Amino acid sequence: MMEIQDYPSRMGDAAAKKFEAFSYLPPMNAAQVRAQLQRVADNDWDIVIEHVEPDRADCDYWYMWKLPLFGERNVDAVLAQADACRSANPAHHVRISGIDRNAQTIGFSLVAHRAG
């Protein structure tokens, strides 16, 4: 039987907290993040950018950055908005989510910036 790896995520260790499936993988570089966002655009999903203080990151409610980017399929525009959110809230985590409006679910979520 295969050995199952333990991920040392502990509530008291902010650096070890896991937020979504991608947080269990090694950090993505800019090209990999861009590829994931292109997949969201190709699926015709709407983008939402959110941010939150690190000590509230386990809360279900993150602050929305502006309105959702309904119909935005330009990955550069999405990344520019994520960068603007990060610049305006440098001490916050920034998350990008893709909303599948047909299934009415979040089909994609990625913490694009982890503060501090």
PDB file of N, CA and C in Angstrom:
ATOM      1  N   MET A   1       0.847  -1.185   0.000  1.00  0.00           N
ATOM      2  CA  MET A   1       0.000   0.000   0.000  1.00  0.00           C
ATOM      3  C   MET A   1       0.888   1.242   0.000  1.00  0.00           C
ATOM      4  N   MET A   2       0.446   2.246  -0.718  1.00  0.00           N
ATOM      5  CA  MET A   2       1.211   3.481  -0.827  1.00  0.00           C
ATOM      6  C   MET A   2       1.151   4.281   0.471  1.00  0.00           C
ATOM      7  N   GLU A   3       2.265   4.871   0.833  1.00  0.00           N
ATOM      8  CA  GLU A   3       2.338   5.734   2.018  1.00  0.00           C
ATOM      9  C   GLU A   3       1.639   7.055   1.722  1.00  0.00           C
ATOM     10  N   ILE A   4       0.752   7.481   2.597  1.00  0.00           N
ATOM     11  CA  ILE A   4       0.047   8.746   2.417  1.00  0.00           C
ATOM     12  C   ILE A   4       0.812   9.832   3.148  1.00  0.00           C
ATOM     13  N   GLN A   5       1.087  10.917   2.422  1.00  0.00           N
ATOM     14  CA  GLN A   5       1.871  12.015   2.977  1.00  0.00           C
ATOM     15  C   GLN A   5       0.997  12.917   3.838  1.00  0.00           C
ATOM     16  N   ASP A   6       1.527  13.336   4.982  1.00  0.00           N
ATOM     17  CA  ASP A   6       0.851  14.291   5.851  1.00  0.00           C
ATOM     18  C   ASP A   6       1.296  15.698   5.465  1.00  0.00           C
ATOM     19  N   TYR A   7       0.342  16.602   5.310  1.00  0.00           N
ATOM     20  CA  TYR A   7       0.673  18.001   5.063  1.00  0.00           C
ATOM     21  C   TYR A   7       0.625  18.725   6.399  1.00  0.00           C
ATOM     22  N   PRO A   8       1.746  19.282   6.837  1.00  0.00           N
ATOM     23  CA  PRO A   8       1.815  19.870   8.178  1.00  0.00           C
ATOM     24  C   PRO A   8       1.102  21.229   8.268  1.00  0.00           C
ATOM     25  N   SER A   9      -0.183  21.249   7.990  1.00  0.00           N
ATOM     26  CA  SER A   9      -0.966  22.471   8.084  1.00  0.00           C
ATOM     27  C   SER A   9      -1.492  22.592   9.509  1.00  0.00           C
ATOM     28  N   ARG A  10      -1.128  23.662  10.172  1.00  0.00           N
ATOM     29  CA  ARG A  10      -1.542  23.873  11.551  1.00  0.00           C
ATOM     30  C   ARG A  10      -2.177  25.244  11.682  1.00  0.00           C
ATOM     31  N   MET A  11      -3.246  25.339  12.438  1.00  0.00           N
ATOM     32  CA  MET A  11      -3.975  26.600  12.579  1.00  0.00           C
ATOM     33  C   MET A  11      -3.085  27.718  13.118  1.00  0.00           C
ATOM     34  N   GLY A  12      -2.160  27.404  13.999  1.00  0.00           N
ATOM     35  CA  GLY A  12      -1.307  28.428  14.586  1.00  0.00           C
ATOM     36  C   GLY A  12      -0.163  28.875  13.701  1.00  0.00           C
ATOM     37  N   ASP A  13       0.047  28.217  12.578  1.00  0.00           N
ATOM     38  CA  ASP A  13       1.152  28.533  11.677  1.00  0.00           C
ATOM     39  C   ASP A  13       0.592  29.112  10.382  1.00  0.00           C
ATOM     40  N   ALA A  14       0.630  30.448  10.258  1.00  0.00           N
ATOM     41  CA  ALA A  14       0.037  31.114   9.096  1.00  0.00           C
ATOM     42  C   ALA A  14       0.662  30.664   7.784  1.00  0.00           C
ATOM     43  N   ALA A  15       1.945  30.368   7.783  1.00  0.00           N
ATOM     44  CA  ALA A  15       2.623  29.958   6.548  1.00  0.00           C
ATOM     45  C   ALA A  15       2.191  28.566   6.093  1.00  0.00           C
ATOM     46  N   ALA A  16       1.685  27.750   7.016  1.00  0.00           N
ATOM     47  CA  ALA A  16       1.309  26.381   6.686  1.00  0.00           C
ATOM     48  C   ALA A  16      -0.163  26.234   6.296  1.00  0.00           C
ATOM     49  N   LYS A  17      -0.966  27.290   6.450  1.00  0.00           N
ATOM     50  CA  LYS A  17      -2.398  27.189   6.152  1.00  0.00           C
ATOM     51  C   LYS A  17      -2.630  26.872   4.681  1.00  0.00           C
ATOM     52  N   LYS A  18      -3.590  26.012   4.432  1.00  0.00           N
ATOM     53  CA  LYS A  18      -3.987  25.643   3.078  1.00  0.00           C
ATOM     54  C   LYS A  18      -5.334  26.282   2.799  1.00  0.00           C
ATOM     55  N   PHE A  19      -5.500  26.843   1.576  1.00  0.00           N
ATOM     56  CA  PHE A  19      -6.723  27.552   1.238  1.00  0.00           C
ATOM     57  C   PHE A  19      -7.550  26.837   0.182  1.00  0.00           C
ATOM     58  N   GLU A  20      -6.910  26.214  -0.761  1.00  0.00           N
ATOM     59  CA  GLU A  20      -7.591  25.560  -1.871  1.00  0.00           C
ATOM     60  C   GLU A  20      -6.661  24.490  -2.427  1.00  0.00           C
ATOM     61  N   ALA A  21      -7.113  23.758  -3.427  1.00  0.00           N
ATOM     62  CA  ALA A  21      -6.338  22.620  -3.938  1.00  0.00           C
ATOM     63  C   ALA A  21      -4.935  23.000  -4.386  1.00  0.00           C
ATOM     64  N   PHE A  22      -4.783  24.171  -5.030  1.00  0.00           N
ATOM     65  CA  PHE A  22      -3.469  24.564  -5.523  1.00  0.00           C
ATOM     66  C   PHE A  22      -2.469  24.813  -4.397  1.00  0.00           C
ATOM     67  N   SER A  23      -2.940  25.116  -3.196  1.00  0.00           N
ATOM     68  CA  SER A  23      -2.013  25.406  -2.104  1.00  0.00           C
ATOM     69  C   SER A  23      -1.287  24.158  -1.604  1.00  0.00           C
ATOM     70  N   TYR A  24      -1.705  22.982  -2.048  1.00  0.00           N
ATOM     71  CA  TYR A  24      -1.004  21.749  -1.698  1.00  0.00           C
ATOM     72  C   TYR A  24       0.118  21.433  -2.683  1.00  0.00           C
ATOM     73  N   LEU A  25       0.206  22.204  -3.753  1.00  0.00           N
ATOM     74  CA  LEU A  25       1.239  22.021  -4.763  1.00  0.00           C
ATOM     75  C   LEU A  25       2.350  23.047  -4.550  1.00  0.00           C
ATOM     76  N   PRO A  26       3.501  22.845  -5.162  1.00  0.00           N
ATOM     77  CA  PRO A  26       4.541  23.883  -5.083  1.00  0.00           C
ATOM     78  C   PRO A  26       4.013  25.193  -5.670  1.00  0.00           C
ATOM     79  N   PRO A  27       4.518  26.344  -5.213  1.00  0.00           N
ATOM     80  CA  PRO A  27       4.044  27.632  -5.737  1.00  0.00           C
ATOM     81  C   PRO A  27       4.182  27.699  -7.260  1.00  0.00           C
ATOM     82  N   MET A  28       3.214  28.336  -7.897  1.00  0.00           N
ATOM     83  CA  MET A  28       3.233  28.485  -9.352  1.00  0.00           C
ATOM     84  C   MET A  28       4.034  29.724  -9.741  1.00  0.00           C
ATOM     85  N   ASN A  29       4.674  29.645 -10.891  1.00  0.00           N
ATOM     86  CA  ASN A  29       5.335  30.832 -11.422  1.00  0.00           C
ATOM     87  C   ASN A  29       4.298  31.627 -12.225  1.00  0.00           C
ATOM     88  N   ALA A  30       4.703  32.791 -12.729  1.00  0.00           N
ATOM     89  CA  ALA A  30       3.771  33.675 -13.439  1.00  0.00           C
ATOM     90  C   ALA A  30       3.163  33.000 -14.675  1.00  0.00           C
ATOM     91  N   ALA A  31       3.957  32.239 -15.405  1.00  0.00           N
ATOM     92  CA  ALA A  31       3.449  31.563 -16.605  1.00  0.00           C
ATOM     93  C   ALA A  31       2.404  30.511 -16.247  1.00  0.00           C
ATOM     94  N   GLN A  32       2.601  29.801 -15.140  1.00  0.00           N
ATOM     95  CA  GLN A  32       1.637  28.783 -14.726  1.00  0.00           C
ATOM     96  C   GLN A  32       0.325  29.416 -14.261  1.00  0.00           C
ATOM     97  N   VAL A  33       0.416  30.529 -13.535  1.00  0.00           N
ATOM     98  CA  VAL A  33      -0.794  31.243 -13.110  1.00  0.00           C
ATOM     99  C   VAL A  33      -1.542  31.741 -14.341  1.00  0.00           C
ATOM    100  N   ARG A  34      -0.814  32.308 -15.291  1.00  0.00           N
ATOM    101  CA  ARG A  34      -1.416  32.802 -16.533  1.00  0.00           C
ATOM    102  C   ARG A  34      -2.134  31.662 -17.267  1.00  0.00           C
ATOM    103  N   ALA A  35      -1.526  30.482 -17.325  1.00  0.00           N
ATOM    104  CA  ALA A  35      -2.140  29.338 -18.006  1.00  0.00           C
ATOM    105  C   ALA A  35      -3.440  28.920 -17.317  1.00  0.00           C
ATOM    106  N   GLN A  36      -3.458  28.939 -15.993  1.00  0.00           N
ATOM    107  CA  GLN A  36      -4.674  28.586 -15.262  1.00  0.00           C
ATOM    108  C   GLN A  36      -5.776  29.611 -15.523  1.00  0.00           C
ATOM    109  N   LEU A  37      -5.407  30.894 -15.540  1.00  0.00           N
ATOM    110  CA  LEU A  37      -6.404  31.930 -15.811  1.00  0.00           C
ATOM    111  C   LEU A  37      -6.903  31.861 -17.252  1.00  0.00           C
ATOM    112  N   GLN A  38      -6.042  31.462 -18.171  1.00  0.00           N
ATOM    113  CA  GLN A  38      -6.478  31.298 -19.558  1.00  0.00           C
ATOM    114  C   GLN A  38      -7.502  30.172 -19.658  1.00  0.00           C
ATOM    115  N   ARG A  39      -7.316  29.124 -18.876  1.00  0.00           N
ATOM    116  CA  ARG A  39      -8.288  28.030 -18.849  1.00  0.00           C
ATOM    117  C   ARG A  39      -9.645  28.525 -18.342  1.00  0.00           C
ATOM    118  N   VAL A  40      -9.615  29.384 -17.327  1.00  0.00           N
ATOM    119  CA  VAL A  40     -10.859  29.969 -16.810  1.00  0.00           C
ATOM    120  C   VAL A  40     -11.543  30.791 -17.904  1.00  0.00           C
ATOM    121  N   ALA A  41     -10.758  31.612 -18.603  1.00  0.00           N
ATOM    122  CA  ALA A  41     -11.314  32.432 -19.695  1.00  0.00           C
ATOM    123  C   ALA A  41     -11.867  31.549 -20.811  1.00  0.00           C
ATOM    124  N   ASP A  42     -11.141  30.493 -21.161  1.00  0.00           N
ATOM    125  CA  ASP A  42     -11.585  29.588 -22.223  1.00  0.00           C
ATOM    126  C   ASP A  42     -12.873  28.864 -21.856  1.00  0.00           C
ATOM    127  N   ASN A  43     -13.095  28.648 -20.552  1.00  0.00           N
ATOM    128  CA  ASN A  43     -14.333  28.009 -20.084  1.00  0.00           C
ATOM    129  C   ASN A  43     -15.496  28.993 -20.003  1.00  0.00           C
ATOM    130  N   ASP A  44     -15.212  30.281 -20.311  1.00  0.00           N
ATOM    131  CA  ASP A  44     -16.233  31.329 -20.283  1.00  0.00           C
ATOM    132  C   ASP A  44     -16.781  31.551 -18.880  1.00  0.00           C
ATOM    133  N   TRP A  45     -15.907  31.420 -17.886  1.00  0.00           N
ATOM    134  CA  TRP A  45     -16.296  31.665 -16.501  1.00  0.00           C
ATOM    135  C   TRP A  45     -16.018  33.121 -16.153  1.00  0.00           C
ATOM    136  N   ASP A  46     -16.762  33.650 -15.201  1.00  0.00           N
ATOM    137  CA  ASP A  46     -16.562  35.023 -14.739  1.00  0.00           C
ATOM    138  C   ASP A  46     -15.558  35.034 -13.593  1.00  0.00           C
ATOM    139  N   ILE A  47     -14.774  36.099 -13.533  1.00  0.00           N
ATOM    140  CA  ILE A  47     -13.680  36.214 -12.566  1.00  0.00           C
ATOM    141  C   ILE A  47     -14.096  37.096 -11.396  1.00  0.00           C
ATOM    142  N   VAL A  48     -13.701  36.668 -10.199  1.00  0.00           N
ATOM    143  CA  VAL A  48     -13.876  37.462  -8.982  1.00  0.00           C
ATOM    144  C   VAL A  48     -12.516  37.542  -8.304  1.00  0.00           C
ATOM    145  N   ILE A  49     -12.130  38.746  -7.884  1.00  0.00           N
ATOM    146  CA  ILE A  49     -10.890  38.949  -7.137  1.00  0.00           C
ATOM    147  C   ILE A  49     -11.280  39.369  -5.729  1.00  0.00           C
ATOM    148  N   GLU A  50     -10.692  38.707  -4.735  1.00  0.00           N
ATOM    149  CA  GLU A  50     -10.998  38.974  -3.333  1.00  0.00           C
ATOM    150  C   GLU A  50      -9.709  39.129  -2.542  1.00  0.00           C
ATOM    151  N   HIS A  51      -9.818  39.724  -1.365  1.00  0.00           N
ATOM    152  CA  HIS A  51      -8.658  39.880  -0.485  1.00  0.00           C
ATOM    153  C   HIS A  51      -9.111  39.809   0.968  1.00  0.00           C
ATOM    154  N   VAL A  52      -8.163  39.471   1.852  1.00  0.00           N
ATOM    155  CA  VAL A  52      -8.475  39.360   3.280  1.00  0.00           C
ATOM    156  C   VAL A  52      -7.187  39.441   4.087  1.00  0.00           C
ATOM    157  N   GLU A  53      -7.321  39.852   5.349  1.00  0.00           N
ATOM    158  CA  GLU A  53      -6.183  39.866   6.257  1.00  0.00           C
ATOM    159  C   GLU A  53      -5.760  38.420   6.546  1.00  0.00           C
ATOM    160  N   PRO A  54      -4.452  38.164   6.706  1.00  0.00           N
ATOM    161  CA  PRO A  54      -3.991  36.791   6.952  1.00  0.00           C
ATOM    162  C   PRO A  54      -4.639  36.129   8.174  1.00  0.00           C
ATOM    163  N   ASP A  55      -4.899  36.886   9.219  1.00  0.00           N
ATOM    164  CA  ASP A  55      -5.488  36.265  10.407  1.00  0.00           C
ATOM    165  C   ASP A  55      -6.969  35.937  10.230  1.00  0.00           C
ATOM    166  N   ARG A  56      -7.599  36.397   9.154  1.00  0.00           N
ATOM    167  CA  ARG A  56      -8.988  36.073   8.848  1.00  0.00           C
ATOM    168  C   ARG A  56      -9.116  35.187   7.620  1.00  0.00           C
ATOM    169  N   ALA A  57      -8.008  34.663   7.127  1.00  0.00           N
ATOM    170  CA  ALA A  57      -8.011  33.913   5.872  1.00  0.00           C
ATOM    171  C   ALA A  57      -8.850  32.638   5.931  1.00  0.00           C
ATOM    172  N   ASP A  58      -9.069  32.098   7.115  1.00  0.00           N
ATOM    173  CA  ASP A  58      -9.880  30.886   7.221  1.00  0.00           C
ATOM    174  C   ASP A  58     -11.372  31.196   7.277  1.00  0.00           C
ATOM    175  N   CYS A  59     -11.713  32.475   7.219  1.00  0.00           N
ATOM    176  CA  CYS A  59     -13.107  32.916   7.204  1.00  0.00           C
ATOM    177  C   CYS A  59     -13.694  32.675   5.814  1.00  0.00           C
ATOM    178  N   ASP A  60     -14.964  32.378   5.754  1.00  0.00           N
ATOM    179  CA  ASP A  60     -15.623  32.169   4.460  1.00  0.00           C
ATOM    180  C   ASP A  60     -15.789  33.460   3.678  1.00  0.00           C
ATOM    181  N   TYR A  61     -15.788  34.584   4.358  1.00  0.00           N
ATOM    182  CA  TYR A  61     -16.070  35.862   3.701  1.00  0.00           C
ATOM    183  C   TYR A  61     -14.803  36.674   3.517  1.00  0.00           C
ATOM    184  N   TRP A  62     -14.382  36.820   2.268  1.00  0.00           N
ATOM    185  CA  TRP A  62     -13.264  37.678   1.893  1.00  0.00           C
ATOM    186  C   TRP A  62     -13.866  38.937   1.282  1.00  0.00           C
ATOM    187  N   TYR A  63     -13.125  40.043   1.333  1.00  0.00           N
ATOM    188  CA  TYR A  63     -13.585  41.296   0.728  1.00  0.00           C
ATOM    189  C   TYR A  63     -13.485  41.191  -0.792  1.00  0.00           C
ATOM    190  N   MET A  64     -14.529  41.615  -1.485  1.00  0.00           N
ATOM    191  CA  MET A  64     -14.489  41.591  -2.943  1.00  0.00           C
ATOM    192  C   MET A  64     -13.756  42.839  -3.437  1.00  0.00           C
ATOM    193  N   TRP A  65     -12.855  42.635  -4.399  1.00  0.00           N
ATOM    194  CA  TRP A  65     -12.169  43.750  -5.042  1.00  0.00           C
ATOM    195  C   TRP A  65     -13.027  44.205  -6.214  1.00  0.00           C
ATOM    196  N   LYS A  66     -13.602  45.364  -6.109  1.00  0.00           N
ATOM    197  CA  LYS A  66     -14.496  45.903  -7.135  1.00  0.00           C
ATOM    198  C   LYS A  66     -15.636  44.916  -7.399  1.00  0.00           C
ATOM    199  N   LEU A  67     -16.259  45.019  -8.549  1.00  0.00           N
ATOM    200  CA  LEU A  67     -17.308  44.076  -8.923  1.00  0.00           C
ATOM    201  C   LEU A  67     -16.670  42.894  -9.648  1.00  0.00           C
ATOM    202  N   PRO A  68     -17.369  41.760  -9.741  1.00  0.00           N
ATOM    203  CA  PRO A  68     -16.827  40.655 -10.533  1.00  0.00           C
ATOM    204  C   PRO A  68     -16.544  41.113 -11.960  1.00  0.00           C
ATOM    205  N   LEU A  69     -15.572  40.495 -12.581  1.00  0.00           N
ATOM    206  CA  LEU A  69     -15.172  40.859 -13.943  1.00  0.00           C
ATOM    207  C   LEU A  69     -16.025  40.063 -14.937  1.00  0.00           C
ATOM    208  N   PHE A  70     -17.313  40.378 -14.988  1.00  0.00           N
ATOM    209  CA  PHE A  70     -18.246  39.682 -15.865  1.00  0.00           C
ATOM    210  C   PHE A  70     -17.808  39.822 -17.318  1.00  0.00           C
ATOM    211  N   GLY A  71     -17.650  38.708 -18.000  1.00  0.00           N
ATOM    212  CA  GLY A  71     -17.333  38.718 -19.420  1.00  0.00           C
ATOM    213  C   GLY A  71     -15.892  39.045 -19.769  1.00  0.00           C
ATOM    214  N   GLU A  72     -15.046  39.293 -18.777  1.00  0.00           N
ATOM    215  CA  GLU A  72     -13.638  39.616 -19.064  1.00  0.00           C
ATOM    216  C   GLU A  72     -12.890  38.336 -19.422  1.00  0.00           C
ATOM    217  N   ARG A  73     -12.335  38.298 -20.633  1.00  0.00           N
ATOM    218  CA  ARG A  73     -11.606  37.115 -21.089  1.00  0.00           C
ATOM    219  C   ARG A  73     -10.140  37.423 -21.363  1.00  0.00           C
ATOM    220  N   ASN A  74      -9.726  38.672 -21.118  1.00  0.00           N
ATOM    221  CA  ASN A  74      -8.348  39.085 -21.311  1.00  0.00           C
ATOM    222  C   ASN A  74      -7.565  38.810 -20.017  1.00  0.00           C
ATOM    223  N   VAL A  75      -6.679  37.836 -20.060  1.00  0.00           N
ATOM    224  CA  VAL A  75      -5.920  37.433 -18.872  1.00  0.00           C
ATOM    225  C   VAL A  75      -5.063  38.579 -18.359  1.00  0.00           C
ATOM    226  N   ASP A  76      -4.519  39.403 -19.258  1.00  0.00           N
ATOM    227  CA  ASP A  76      -3.714  40.545 -18.822  1.00  0.00           C
ATOM    228  C   ASP A  76      -4.541  41.524 -17.992  1.00  0.00           C
ATOM    229  N   ALA A  77      -5.789  41.745 -18.366  1.00  0.00           N
ATOM    230  CA  ALA A  77      -6.665  42.635 -17.605  1.00  0.00           C
ATOM    231  C   ALA A  77      -6.958  42.057 -16.220  1.00  0.00           C
ATOM    232  N   VAL A  78      -7.163  40.758 -16.144  1.00  0.00           N
ATOM    233  CA  VAL A  78      -7.404  40.100 -14.859  1.00  0.00           C
ATOM    234  C   VAL A  78      -6.170  40.225 -13.968  1.00  0.00           C
ATOM    235  N   LEU A  79      -4.997  39.940 -14.524  1.00  0.00           N
ATOM    236  CA  LEU A  79      -3.764  40.046 -13.742  1.00  0.00           C
ATOM    237  C   LEU A  79      -3.499  41.483 -13.301  1.00  0.00           C
ATOM    238  N   ALA A  80      -3.833  42.454 -14.140  1.00  0.00           N
ATOM    239  CA  ALA A  80      -3.667  43.866 -13.767  1.00  0.00           C
ATOM    240  C   ALA A  80      -4.573  44.215 -12.579  1.00  0.00           C
ATOM    241  N   GLN A  81      -5.801  43.698 -12.587  1.00  0.00           N
ATOM    242  CA  GLN A  81      -6.701  43.952 -11.455  1.00  0.00           C
ATOM    243  C   GLN A  81      -6.208  43.256 -10.187  1.00  0.00           C
ATOM    244  N   ALA A  82      -5.690  42.049 -10.314  1.00  0.00           N
ATOM    245  CA  ALA A  82      -5.133  41.345  -9.148  1.00  0.00           C
ATOM    246  C   ALA A  82      -3.933  42.104  -8.591  1.00  0.00           C
ATOM    247  N   ASP A  83      -3.089  42.645  -9.466  1.00  0.00           N
ATOM    248  CA  ASP A  83      -1.947  43.451  -9.020  1.00  0.00           C
ATOM    249  C   ASP A  83      -2.400  44.739  -8.351  1.00  0.00           C
ATOM    250  N   ALA A  84      -3.457  45.368  -8.891  1.00  0.00           N
ATOM    251  CA  ALA A  84      -3.991  46.585  -8.277  1.00  0.00           C
ATOM    252  C   ALA A  84      -4.551  46.286  -6.890  1.00  0.00           C
ATOM    253  N   CYS A  85      -5.218  45.155  -6.749  1.00  0.00           N
ATOM    254  CA  CYS A  85      -5.741  44.741  -5.445  1.00  0.00           C
ATOM    255  C   CYS A  85      -4.595  44.520  -4.463  1.00  0.00           C
ATOM    256  N   ARG A  86      -3.559  43.858  -4.922  1.00  0.00           N
ATOM    257  CA  ARG A  86      -2.389  43.605  -4.079  1.00  0.00           C
ATOM    258  C   ARG A  86      -1.708  44.911  -3.667  1.00  0.00           C
ATOM    259  N   SER A  87      -1.578  45.850  -4.596  1.00  0.00           N
ATOM    260  CA  SER A  87      -0.953  47.142  -4.294  1.00  0.00           C
ATOM    261  C   SER A  87      -1.780  47.944  -3.292  1.00  0.00           C
ATOM    262  N   ALA A  88      -3.093  47.885  -3.422  1.00  0.00           N
ATOM    263  CA  ALA A  88      -3.977  48.623  -2.524  1.00  0.00           C
ATOM    264  C   ALA A  88      -4.086  47.965  -1.150  1.00  0.00           C
ATOM    265  N   ASN A  89      -3.802  46.665  -1.087  1.00  0.00           N
ATOM    266  CA  ASN A  89      -3.928  45.895   0.163  1.00  0.00           C
ATOM    267  C   ASN A  89      -2.692  45.023   0.351  1.00  0.00           C
ATOM    268  N   PRO A  90      -1.521  45.627   0.542  1.00  0.00           N
ATOM    269  CA  PRO A  90      -0.275  44.847   0.554  1.00  0.00           C
ATOM    270  C   PRO A  90      -0.163  43.837   1.699  1.00  0.00           C
ATOM    271  N   ALA A  91      -0.908  44.031   2.764  1.00  0.00           N
ATOM    272  CA  ALA A  91      -0.835  43.114   3.903  1.00  0.00           C
ATOM    273  C   ALA A  91      -1.905  42.025   3.845  1.00  0.00           C
ATOM    274  N   HIS A  92      -2.608  41.927   2.710  1.00  0.00           N
ATOM    275  CA  HIS A  92      -3.693  40.949   2.571  1.00  0.00           C
ATOM    276  C   HIS A  92      -3.317  39.833   1.601  1.00  0.00           C
ATOM    277  N   HIS A  93      -3.977  38.683   1.776  1.00  0.00           N
ATOM    278  CA  HIS A  93      -3.937  37.629   0.770  1.00  0.00           C
ATOM    279  C   HIS A  93      -4.873  38.054  -0.361  1.00  0.00           C
ATOM    280  N   VAL A  94      -4.553  37.662  -1.593  1.00  0.00           N
ATOM    281  CA  VAL A  94      -5.395  37.966  -2.748  1.00  0.00           C
ATOM    282  C   VAL A  94      -5.765  36.653  -3.435  1.00  0.00           C
ATOM    283  N   ARG A  95      -7.062  36.481  -3.662  1.00  0.00           N
ATOM    284  CA  ARG A  95      -7.571  35.248  -4.277  1.00  0.00           C
ATOM    285  C   ARG A  95      -8.300  35.591  -5.579  1.00  0.00           C
ATOM    286  N   ILE A  96      -8.090  34.750  -6.592  1.00  0.00           N
ATOM    287  CA  ILE A  96      -8.801  34.876  -7.870  1.00  0.00           C
ATOM    288  C   ILE A  96      -9.664  33.628  -8.026  1.00  0.00           C
ATOM    289  N   SER A  97     -10.949  33.833  -8.290  1.00  0.00           N
ATOM    290  CA  SER A  97     -11.864  32.708  -8.475  1.00  0.00           C
ATOM    291  C   SER A  97     -12.567  32.819  -9.813  1.00  0.00           C
ATOM    292  N   GLY A  98     -12.902  31.675 -10.384  1.00  0.00           N
ATOM    293  CA  GLY A  98     -13.674  31.596 -11.618  1.00  0.00           C
ATOM    294  C   GLY A  98     -15.037  31.020 -11.315  1.00  0.00           C
ATOM    295  N   ILE A  99     -16.078  31.745 -11.684  1.00  0.00           N
ATOM    296  CA  ILE A  99     -17.449  31.342 -11.389  1.00  0.00           C
ATOM    297  C   ILE A  99     -18.095  30.775 -12.651  1.00  0.00           C
ATOM    298  N   ASP A 100     -18.531  29.531 -12.561  1.00  0.00           N
ATOM    299  CA  ASP A 100     -19.283  28.898 -13.648  1.00  0.00           C
ATOM    300  C   ASP A 100     -20.747  29.283 -13.453  1.00  0.00           C
ATOM    301  N   ARG A 101     -21.211  30.254 -14.232  1.00  0.00           N
ATOM    302  CA  ARG A 101     -22.565  30.768 -14.015  1.00  0.00           C
ATOM    303  C   ARG A 101     -23.642  29.765 -14.418  1.00  0.00           C
ATOM    304  N   ASN A 102     -23.309  28.801 -15.274  1.00  0.00           N
ATOM    305  CA  ASN A 102     -24.292  27.782 -15.656  1.00  0.00           C
ATOM    306  C   ASN A 102     -24.522  26.794 -14.515  1.00  0.00           C
ATOM    307  N   ALA A 103     -23.448  26.341 -13.892  1.00  0.00           N
ATOM    308  CA  ALA A 103     -23.571  25.417 -12.769  1.00  0.00           C
ATOM    309  C   ALA A 103     -23.785  26.152 -11.452  1.00  0.00           C
ATOM    310  N   GLN A 104     -23.576  27.485 -11.460  1.00  0.00           N
ATOM    311  CA  GLN A 104     -23.696  28.332 -10.274  1.00  0.00           C
ATOM    312  C   GLN A 104     -22.783  27.857  -9.154  1.00  0.00           C
ATOM    313  N   THR A 105     -21.522  27.610  -9.545  1.00  0.00           N
ATOM    314  CA  THR A 105     -20.514  27.163  -8.584  1.00  0.00           C
ATOM    315  C   THR A 105     -19.189  27.861  -8.864  1.00  0.00           C
ATOM    316  N   ILE A 106     -18.304  27.787  -7.889  1.00  0.00           N
ATOM    317  CA  ILE A 106     -16.934  28.242  -8.100  1.00  0.00           C
ATOM    318  C   ILE A 106     -16.186  27.073  -8.729  1.00  0.00           C
ATOM    319  N   GLY A 107     -15.761  27.254  -9.963  1.00  0.00           N
ATOM    320  CA  GLY A 107     -15.070  26.189 -10.687  1.00  0.00           C
ATOM    321  C   GLY A 107     -13.563  26.271 -10.567  1.00  0.00           C
ATOM    322  N   PHE A 108     -13.063  27.393 -10.037  1.00  0.00           N
ATOM    323  CA  PHE A 108     -11.625  27.621  -9.944  1.00  0.00           C
ATOM    324  C   PHE A 108     -11.371  28.616  -8.829  1.00  0.00           C
ATOM    325  N   SER A 109     -10.341  28.360  -8.050  1.00  0.00           N
ATOM    326  CA  SER A 109      -9.947  29.317  -7.015  1.00  0.00           C
ATOM    327  C   SER A 109      -8.465  29.169  -6.758  1.00  0.00           C
ATOM    328  N   LEU A 110      -7.777  30.295  -6.703  1.00  0.00           N
ATOM    329  CA  LEU A 110      -6.332  30.308  -6.537  1.00  0.00           C
ATOM    330  C   LEU A 110      -5.928  31.503  -5.694  1.00  0.00           C
ATOM    331  N   VAL A 111      -5.165  31.270  -4.632  1.00  0.00           N
ATOM    332  CA  VAL A 111      -4.610  32.385  -3.867  1.00  0.00           C
ATOM    333  C   VAL A 111      -3.397  32.859  -4.660  1.00  0.00           C
ATOM    334  N   ALA A 112      -3.544  33.998  -5.314  1.00  0.00           N
ATOM    335  CA  ALA A 112      -2.503  34.514  -6.203  1.00  0.00           C
ATOM    336  C   ALA A 112      -1.400  35.222  -5.446  1.00  0.00           C
ATOM    337  N   HIS A 113      -1.702  35.690  -4.238  1.00  0.00           N
ATOM    338  CA  HIS A 113      -0.683  36.363  -3.418  1.00  0.00           C
ATOM    339  C   HIS A 113      -0.940  36.053  -1.951  1.00  0.00           C
ATOM    340  N   ARG A 114       0.082  35.545  -1.293  1.00  0.00           N
ATOM    341  CA  ARG A 114       0.009  35.339   0.153  1.00  0.00           C
ATOM    342  C   ARG A 114       0.817  36.441   0.828  1.00  0.00           C
ATOM    343  N   ALA A 115       0.181  37.183   1.690  1.00  0.00           N
ATOM    344  CA  ALA A 115       0.859  38.278   2.393  1.00  0.00           C
ATOM    345  C   ALA A 115       1.860  37.719   3.392  1.00  0.00           C
ATOM    346  N   GLY A 116       2.942  38.462   3.528  1.00  0.00           N
ATOM    347  CA  GLY A 116       3.953  38.268   4.512  1.00  0.00           C
ATOM    348  C   GLY A 116       4.427  36.973   4.885  1.00  0.00           C
TER     349      GLY A 116
END
